[in-house]
Amino acid sequence: MKPLLTTRLCIFALSFLATIGTLIVGSPESSFALDPLSRSPRVESWQIPLGSYERVPIGKLLSNPTSYHLHEIKIAGTVRIVRTQIKTRGCGKPYELTVISLEDESGVVDVLDQGACGRNTSAVRAPMLTAGDHVDLLVRVYGATETDGLGGSLEVFVLWIERAQD
């Protein structure tokens, strides 16, 4: 009787591990940045539509990055330059790091999209953009605080990209 129970437990454990392995291998985080996966039209875990965010002019963001530190904000503008390079270090797998130079009427800012290692969950991927595209972006801002001595440096990471309605 015990060998039958042991066999059943082994089969159950193997099927359980196979199921978990399939879920891990097939997860969206393991896919590269250009995967054409369908995405929700709502942003981030709070499921707030991008249109609900108030747009912050780039000049206002640049003038005081510490006031936006660790905030998620909407910025909009025209893509001036898109530079993509493959990175092999930093998140445990190769990924596309794309720098978008975005301009509005008040200034220009470089926005980073970390591809498969980032948090952009929209259907539009940064490498798909070209100069002249009008976009709305939800971004997370990392502005140096006044106490860290970096003089208010700024890093802006993409969370969501939408092509603007002209």
C-alpha atoms as a PDB file:
ATOM      1  CA  MET A   1       0.000   0.000   0.000  1.00  0.00           C
ATOM      2  CA  LYS A   2       2.811   2.450   0.833  1.00  0.00           C
ATOM      3  CA  PRO A   3       4.587   2.124  -2.554  1.00  0.00           C
ATOM      4  CA  LEU A   4       1.332   3.071  -4.322  1.00  0.00           C
ATOM      5  CA  LEU A   5       0.939   6.183  -2.143  1.00  0.00           C
ATOM      6  CA  THR A   6       4.592   7.149  -2.704  1.00  0.00           C
ATOM      7  CA  THR A   7       4.185   6.741  -6.471  1.00  0.00           C
ATOM      8  CA  ARG A   8       1.056   8.912  -6.498  1.00  0.00           C
ATOM      9  CA  LEU A   9       2.790  11.623  -4.446  1.00  0.00           C
ATOM     10  CA  CYS A  10       5.783  11.591  -6.820  1.00  0.00           C
ATOM     11  CA  ILE A  11       3.528  11.917  -9.885  1.00  0.00           C
ATOM     12  CA  PHE A  12       1.605  14.756  -8.233  1.00  0.00           C
ATOM     13  CA  ALA A  13       4.824  16.573  -7.305  1.00  0.00           C
ATOM     14  CA  LEU A  14       6.236  16.223 -10.831  1.00  0.00           C
ATOM     15  CA  SER A  15       3.037  17.480 -12.475  1.00  0.00           C
ATOM     16  CA  PHE A  16       2.894  20.396 -10.035  1.00  0.00           C
ATOM     17  CA  LEU A  17       6.512  21.374 -10.789  1.00  0.00           C
ATOM     18  CA  ALA A  18       5.885  21.059 -14.543  1.00  0.00           C
ATOM     19  CA  THR A  19       2.885  23.393 -14.268  1.00  0.00           C
ATOM     20  CA  ILE A  20       4.868  25.970 -12.278  1.00  0.00           C
ATOM     21  CA  GLY A  21       7.743  25.733 -14.761  1.00  0.00           C
ATOM     22  CA  THR A  22       5.385  26.343 -17.671  1.00  0.00           C
ATOM     23  CA  LEU A  23       3.934  29.408 -15.970  1.00  0.00           C
ATOM     24  CA  ILE A  24       7.373  30.852 -15.231  1.00  0.00           C
ATOM     25  CA  VAL A  25       8.785  30.246 -18.715  1.00  0.00           C
ATOM     26  CA  GLY A  26       5.674  31.674 -20.361  1.00  0.00           C
ATOM     27  CA  SER A  27       5.463  34.834 -18.244  1.00  0.00           C
ATOM     28  CA  PRO A  28       5.446  38.274 -19.990  1.00  0.00           C
ATOM     29  CA  GLU A  29       8.507  39.402 -18.000  1.00  0.00           C
ATOM     30  CA  SER A  30      10.632  36.807 -19.778  1.00  0.00           C
ATOM     31  CA  SER A  31       9.698  38.111 -23.222  1.00  0.00           C
ATOM     32  CA  PHE A  32      11.732  40.658 -25.117  1.00  0.00           C
ATOM     33  CA  ALA A  33      10.616  44.250 -25.614  1.00  0.00           C
ATOM     34  CA  LEU A  34       9.258  43.834 -29.134  1.00  0.00           C
ATOM     35  CA  ASP A  35       6.764  41.083 -28.323  1.00  0.00           C
ATOM     36  CA  PRO A  36       3.350  42.001 -29.756  1.00  0.00           C
ATOM     37  CA  LEU A  37       1.381  41.078 -26.629  1.00  0.00           C
ATOM     38  CA  SER A  38      -2.071  42.509 -26.115  1.00  0.00           C
ATOM     39  CA  ARG A  39      -2.136  44.926 -23.198  1.00  0.00           C
ATOM     40  CA  SER A  40      -4.781  46.557 -21.074  1.00  0.00           C
ATOM     41  CA  PRO A  41      -5.670  50.145 -22.013  1.00  0.00           C
ATOM     42  CA  ARG A  42      -5.327  50.965 -18.337  1.00  0.00           C
ATOM     43  CA  VAL A  43      -2.028  51.771 -16.684  1.00  0.00           C
ATOM     44  CA  GLU A  44      -0.158  50.064 -13.863  1.00  0.00           C
ATOM     45  CA  SER A  45      -1.653  48.043 -11.050  1.00  0.00           C
ATOM     46  CA  TRP A  46      -4.165  50.737 -10.075  1.00  0.00           C
ATOM     47  CA  GLN A  47      -5.854  50.436 -13.483  1.00  0.00           C
ATOM     48  CA  ILE A  48      -6.071  54.227 -13.941  1.00  0.00           C
ATOM     49  CA  PRO A  49      -6.497  55.402 -17.558  1.00  0.00           C
ATOM     50  CA  LEU A  50      -3.578  57.527 -18.790  1.00  0.00           C
ATOM     51  CA  GLY A  51      -5.976  60.374 -19.598  1.00  0.00           C
ATOM     52  CA  SER A  52      -6.737  60.683 -15.868  1.00  0.00           C
ATOM     53  CA  TYR A  53      -3.211  61.870 -15.109  1.00  0.00           C
ATOM     54  CA  GLU A  54      -2.576  65.609 -15.246  1.00  0.00           C
ATOM     55  CA  ARG A  55       0.086  66.491 -17.800  1.00  0.00           C
ATOM     56  CA  VAL A  56       3.256  68.052 -16.376  1.00  0.00           C
ATOM     57  CA  PRO A  57       5.193  70.296 -18.776  1.00  0.00           C
ATOM     58  CA  ILE A  58       8.770  69.113 -19.303  1.00  0.00           C
ATOM     59  CA  GLY A  59      10.146  72.534 -18.322  1.00  0.00           C
ATOM     60  CA  LYS A  60       8.369  72.311 -14.956  1.00  0.00           C
ATOM     61  CA  LEU A  61       9.799  68.822 -14.390  1.00  0.00           C
ATOM     62  CA  LEU A  62      13.312  70.009 -15.296  1.00  0.00           C
ATOM     63  CA  SER A  63      13.135  73.111 -13.116  1.00  0.00           C
ATOM     64  CA  ASN A  64      12.487  71.142  -9.929  1.00  0.00           C
ATOM     65  CA  PRO A  65      13.071  67.384 -10.300  1.00  0.00           C
ATOM     66  CA  THR A  66      13.153  66.825  -6.526  1.00  0.00           C
ATOM     67  CA  SER A  67       9.462  67.733  -6.257  1.00  0.00           C
ATOM     68  CA  TYR A  68       8.627  64.817  -8.588  1.00  0.00           C
ATOM     69  CA  HIS A  69      11.031  62.282  -7.041  1.00  0.00           C
ATOM     70  CA  LEU A  70       9.411  58.805  -6.986  1.00  0.00           C
ATOM     71  CA  HIS A  71       6.202  60.168  -8.535  1.00  0.00           C
ATOM     72  CA  GLU A  72       4.379  58.853 -11.561  1.00  0.00           C
ATOM     73  CA  ILE A  73       3.473  61.679 -13.914  1.00  0.00           C
ATOM     74  CA  LYS A  74       2.201  62.153 -17.441  1.00  0.00           C
ATOM     75  CA  ILE A  75       4.401  63.995 -19.931  1.00  0.00           C
ATOM     76  CA  ALA A  76       3.667  64.561 -23.592  1.00  0.00           C
ATOM     77  CA  GLY A  77       5.516  65.834 -26.600  1.00  0.00           C
ATOM     78  CA  THR A  78       7.250  65.119 -29.863  1.00  0.00           C
ATOM     79  CA  VAL A  79       9.900  62.434 -30.170  1.00  0.00           C
ATOM     80  CA  ARG A  80      13.141  64.001 -31.409  1.00  0.00           C
ATOM     81  CA  ILE A  81      15.596  61.077 -31.196  1.00  0.00           C
ATOM     82  CA  VAL A  82      15.266  57.359 -30.397  1.00  0.00           C
ATOM     83  CA  ARG A  83      18.462  55.476 -29.509  1.00  0.00           C
ATOM     84  CA  THR A  84      18.319  51.750 -28.707  1.00  0.00           C
ATOM     85  CA  GLN A  85      21.138  49.514 -27.565  1.00  0.00           C
ATOM     86  CA  ILE A  86      21.290  45.964 -26.275  1.00  0.00           C
ATOM     87  CA  LYS A  87      22.430  45.684 -22.655  1.00  0.00           C
ATOM     88  CA  THR A  88      23.720  42.395 -21.320  1.00  0.00           C
ATOM     89  CA  ARG A  89      24.052  43.373 -17.664  1.00  0.00           C
ATOM     90  CA  GLY A  90      21.745  44.823 -15.115  1.00  0.00           C
ATOM     91  CA  CYS A  91      18.707  42.604 -14.932  1.00  0.00           C
ATOM     92  CA  GLY A  92      19.916  39.064 -15.439  1.00  0.00           C
ATOM     93  CA  LYS A  93      19.130  38.817 -19.161  1.00  0.00           C
ATOM     94  CA  PRO A  94      19.870  40.814 -22.310  1.00  0.00           C
ATOM     95  CA  TYR A  95      17.431  43.668 -22.891  1.00  0.00           C
ATOM     96  CA  GLU A  96      16.888  46.699 -25.096  1.00  0.00           C
ATOM     97  CA  LEU A  97      17.611  50.032 -23.417  1.00  0.00           C
ATOM     98  CA  THR A  98      15.987  52.814 -25.416  1.00  0.00           C
ATOM     99  CA  VAL A  99      16.517  56.508 -24.797  1.00  0.00           C
ATOM    100  CA  ILE A 100      13.748  58.742 -26.121  1.00  0.00           C
ATOM    101  CA  SER A 101      14.510  62.436 -26.435  1.00  0.00           C
ATOM    102  CA  LEU A 102      11.091  64.037 -25.888  1.00  0.00           C
ATOM    103  CA  GLU A 103      10.332  67.707 -26.507  1.00  0.00           C
ATOM    104  CA  ASP A 104       7.353  69.888 -25.687  1.00  0.00           C
ATOM    105  CA  GLU A 105       6.915  73.660 -25.827  1.00  0.00           C
ATOM    106  CA  SER A 106       8.784  74.092 -22.523  1.00  0.00           C
ATOM    107  CA  GLY A 107      11.844  71.841 -22.837  1.00  0.00           C
ATOM    108  CA  VAL A 108      13.508  68.548 -23.770  1.00  0.00           C
ATOM    109  CA  VAL A 109      14.032  65.500 -21.540  1.00  0.00           C
ATOM    110  CA  ASP A 110      15.576  62.078 -22.095  1.00  0.00           C
ATOM    111  CA  VAL A 111      13.270  59.247 -21.092  1.00  0.00           C
ATOM    112  CA  LEU A 112      14.543  55.679 -20.559  1.00  0.00           C
ATOM    113  CA  ASP A 113      12.721  52.501 -21.511  1.00  0.00           C
ATOM    114  CA  GLN A 114      14.386  49.336 -20.195  1.00  0.00           C
ATOM    115  CA  GLY A 115      12.589  46.977 -22.557  1.00  0.00           C
ATOM    116  CA  ALA A 116      11.953  43.535 -21.079  1.00  0.00           C
ATOM    117  CA  CYS A 117      13.611  44.582 -17.810  1.00  0.00           C
ATOM    118  CA  GLY A 118      11.514  47.704 -17.387  1.00  0.00           C
ATOM    119  CA  ARG A 119       7.950  48.397 -16.384  1.00  0.00           C
ATOM    120  CA  ASN A 120       6.441  49.542 -19.688  1.00  0.00           C
ATOM    121  CA  THR A 121       3.311  47.425 -19.990  1.00  0.00           C
ATOM    122  CA  SER A 122       1.784  49.215 -22.962  1.00  0.00           C
ATOM    123  CA  ALA A 123       1.489  47.712 -26.440  1.00  0.00           C
ATOM    124  CA  VAL A 124       3.678  50.515 -27.814  1.00  0.00           C
ATOM    125  CA  ARG A 125       7.363  49.831 -27.244  1.00  0.00           C
ATOM    126  CA  ALA A 126       9.973  52.582 -27.312  1.00  0.00           C
ATOM    127  CA  PRO A 127      11.931  51.080 -30.257  1.00  0.00           C
ATOM    128  CA  MET A 128       8.722  51.353 -32.337  1.00  0.00           C
ATOM    129  CA  LEU A 129       8.826  55.156 -32.083  1.00  0.00           C
ATOM    130  CA  THR A 130      10.426  57.407 -34.685  1.00  0.00           C
ATOM    131  CA  ALA A 131      11.399  61.072 -34.770  1.00  0.00           C
ATOM    132  CA  GLY A 132       8.328  63.246 -35.163  1.00  0.00           C
ATOM    133  CA  ASP A 133       5.912  60.920 -33.345  1.00  0.00           C
ATOM    134  CA  HIS A 134       3.613  62.664 -30.869  1.00  0.00           C
ATOM    135  CA  VAL A 135       3.260  60.633 -27.672  1.00  0.00           C
ATOM    136  CA  ASP A 136       1.818  60.704 -24.185  1.00  0.00           C
ATOM    137  CA  LEU A 137       3.947  58.938 -21.580  1.00  0.00           C
ATOM    138  CA  LEU A 138       3.370  57.828 -18.033  1.00  0.00           C
ATOM    139  CA  VAL A 139       6.768  57.945 -16.359  1.00  0.00           C
ATOM    140  CA  ARG A 140       8.326  57.371 -12.961  1.00  0.00           C
ATOM    141  CA  VAL A 141      10.717  60.140 -11.953  1.00  0.00           C
ATOM    142  CA  TYR A 142      13.894  59.678  -9.973  1.00  0.00           C
ATOM    143  CA  GLY A 143      15.110  63.157  -9.106  1.00  0.00           C
ATOM    144  CA  ALA A 144      18.060  63.433  -6.751  1.00  0.00           C
ATOM    145  CA  THR A 145      17.097  64.843  -3.392  1.00  0.00           C
ATOM    146  CA  GLU A 146      18.831  67.970  -2.130  1.00  0.00           C
ATOM    147  CA  THR A 147      20.513  66.004   0.692  1.00  0.00           C
ATOM    148  CA  ASP A 148      22.321  63.532  -1.570  1.00  0.00           C
ATOM    149  CA  GLY A 149      24.606  66.189  -3.041  1.00  0.00           C
ATOM    150  CA  LEU A 150      23.888  65.384  -6.689  1.00  0.00           C
ATOM    151  CA  GLY A 151      22.369  68.765  -7.439  1.00  0.00           C
ATOM    152  CA  GLY A 152      18.950  67.545  -8.486  1.00  0.00           C
ATOM    153  CA  SER A 153      19.922  65.146 -11.297  1.00  0.00           C
ATOM    154  CA  LEU A 154      17.031  63.498 -13.080  1.00  0.00           C
ATOM    155  CA  GLU A 155      16.195  60.044 -14.424  1.00  0.00           C
ATOM    156  CA  VAL A 156      12.831  59.385 -16.058  1.00  0.00           C
ATOM    157  CA  PHE A 157      11.625  55.832 -16.805  1.00  0.00           C
ATOM    158  CA  VAL A 158       8.725  54.823 -19.065  1.00  0.00           C
ATOM    159  CA  LEU A 159       5.738  53.024 -17.547  1.00  0.00           C
ATOM    160  CA  TRP A 160       3.285  53.489 -20.435  1.00  0.00           C
ATOM    161  CA  ILE A 161       3.398  54.874 -23.987  1.00  0.00           C
ATOM    162  CA  GLU A 162       0.437  56.037 -26.071  1.00  0.00           C
ATOM    163  CA  ARG A 163       0.561  57.683 -29.459  1.00  0.00           C
ATOM    164  CA  ALA A 164      -1.144  61.058 -29.102  1.00  0.00           C
ATOM    165  CA  GLN A 165      -4.382  61.713 -30.938  1.00  0.00           C
ATOM    166  CA  ASP A 166      -3.671  64.515 -33.435  1.00  0.00           C
END
